[in-house]
Amino acid sequence: MSCCELVELVTEYVEGTIDAERLARFEEHLAECPPCVHYIEQFRQTIEALGRLPSESVSPEAERELAAAFRDWHAAEAG
């Protein structure tokens, strides 16, 4: 598994929804790639920090813009 592939699967990994085959490859990569281990740690810290923000602190407009940006980014990556 490459670093790019790992980044694409990080949400599934953190949420525990990654399938067994990918999980094994993911963890093999982490065992050999300290930068990706650091990335996962940063990802978890971000989730922890943002998880403490009240939902009303993000305006509906900002939420829509973020969702659209993610959809556009994901479509560009897949395309």
Protein backbone atom coordinates (compact mmCIF):
# COMPACT_ATOMS: atom_id res chain seq x y z
CA MET A 1 0.00 0.00 0.00
CA SER A 2 1.29 3.45 -0.87
CA CYS A 3 1.02 6.52 1.33
CA CYS A 4 -1.64 7.93 -1.04
CA GLU A 5 -3.74 4.78 -0.71
CA LEU A 6 -3.45 4.99 3.07
CA VAL A 7 -4.67 8.60 3.08
CA GLU A 8 -7.72 7.58 1.04
CA LEU A 9 -8.62 4.95 3.67
CA VAL A 10 -7.85 6.87 6.84
CA THR A 11 -11.48 7.74 7.63
CA GLU A 12 -12.57 4.11 7.30
CA TYR A 13 -9.63 3.08 9.49
CA VAL A 14 -10.35 5.58 12.25
CA GLU A 15 -14.08 4.80 12.17
CA GLY A 16 -13.41 1.05 12.24
CA THR A 17 -15.27 0.38 8.99
CA ILE A 18 -12.29 -0.73 6.89
CA ASP A 19 -12.52 -4.30 5.59
CA ALA A 20 -10.13 -6.96 6.94
CA GLU A 21 -7.96 -7.21 3.83
CA ARG A 22 -7.39 -3.47 3.60
CA LEU A 23 -6.90 -3.26 7.36
CA ALA A 24 -4.05 -5.77 7.17
CA ARG A 25 -2.39 -3.84 4.33
CA PHE A 26 -3.00 -0.54 6.13
CA GLU A 27 -1.37 -1.76 9.34
CA GLU A 28 1.56 -3.30 7.42
CA HIS A 29 2.17 0.09 5.85
CA LEU A 30 1.99 1.84 9.22
CA ALA A 31 4.56 -0.61 10.62
CA GLU A 32 7.03 0.58 7.98
CA CYS A 33 6.15 4.27 7.53
CA PRO A 34 6.68 6.67 10.45
CA PRO A 35 5.34 9.67 8.46
CA CYS A 36 2.00 7.90 7.98
CA VAL A 37 1.89 7.01 11.68
CA HIS A 38 2.36 10.72 12.39
CA TYR A 39 -0.42 11.55 9.88
CA ILE A 40 -2.83 9.16 11.64
CA GLU A 41 -1.95 10.73 15.00
CA GLN A 42 -2.63 14.22 13.61
CA PHE A 43 -5.92 13.00 12.11
CA ARG A 44 -7.05 11.62 15.47
CA GLN A 45 -6.03 14.80 17.29
CA THR A 46 -8.01 16.86 14.79
CA ILE A 47 -11.08 14.69 15.30
CA GLU A 48 -10.69 14.98 19.06
CA ALA A 49 -10.32 18.77 18.93
CA LEU A 50 -13.15 19.31 16.47
CA GLY A 51 -15.38 16.88 18.27
CA ARG A 52 -15.48 19.33 21.14
CA LEU A 53 -16.81 22.22 19.05
CA PRO A 54 -20.52 22.84 19.42
CA SER A 55 -22.34 22.13 16.15
CA GLU A 56 -23.91 25.58 16.18
CA SER A 57 -20.42 27.12 15.84
CA VAL A 58 -20.46 26.16 12.14
CA SER A 59 -22.98 28.10 10.10
CA PRO A 60 -25.24 26.17 7.71
CA GLU A 61 -23.61 28.04 4.81
CA ALA A 62 -20.09 27.03 5.92
CA GLU A 63 -21.26 23.45 6.36
CA ARG A 64 -22.66 23.39 2.80
CA GLU A 65 -19.46 24.91 1.41
CA LEU A 66 -17.30 22.36 3.20
CA ALA A 67 -19.46 19.48 2.01
CA ALA A 68 -19.31 20.78 -1.58
CA ALA A 69 -15.54 21.23 -1.39
CA PHE A 70 -15.12 17.68 -0.13
CA ARG A 71 -17.39 16.29 -2.87
CA ASP A 72 -15.45 18.23 -5.52
CA TRP A 73 -12.11 17.09 -4.11
CA HIS A 74 -13.23 13.47 -3.88
CA ALA A 75 -14.60 13.52 -7.44
CA ALA A 76 -11.33 15.00 -8.74
CA GLU A 77 -9.32 12.32 -6.94
CA ALA A 78 -11.51 9.54 -8.33
CA GLY A 79 -11.59 11.00 -11.86
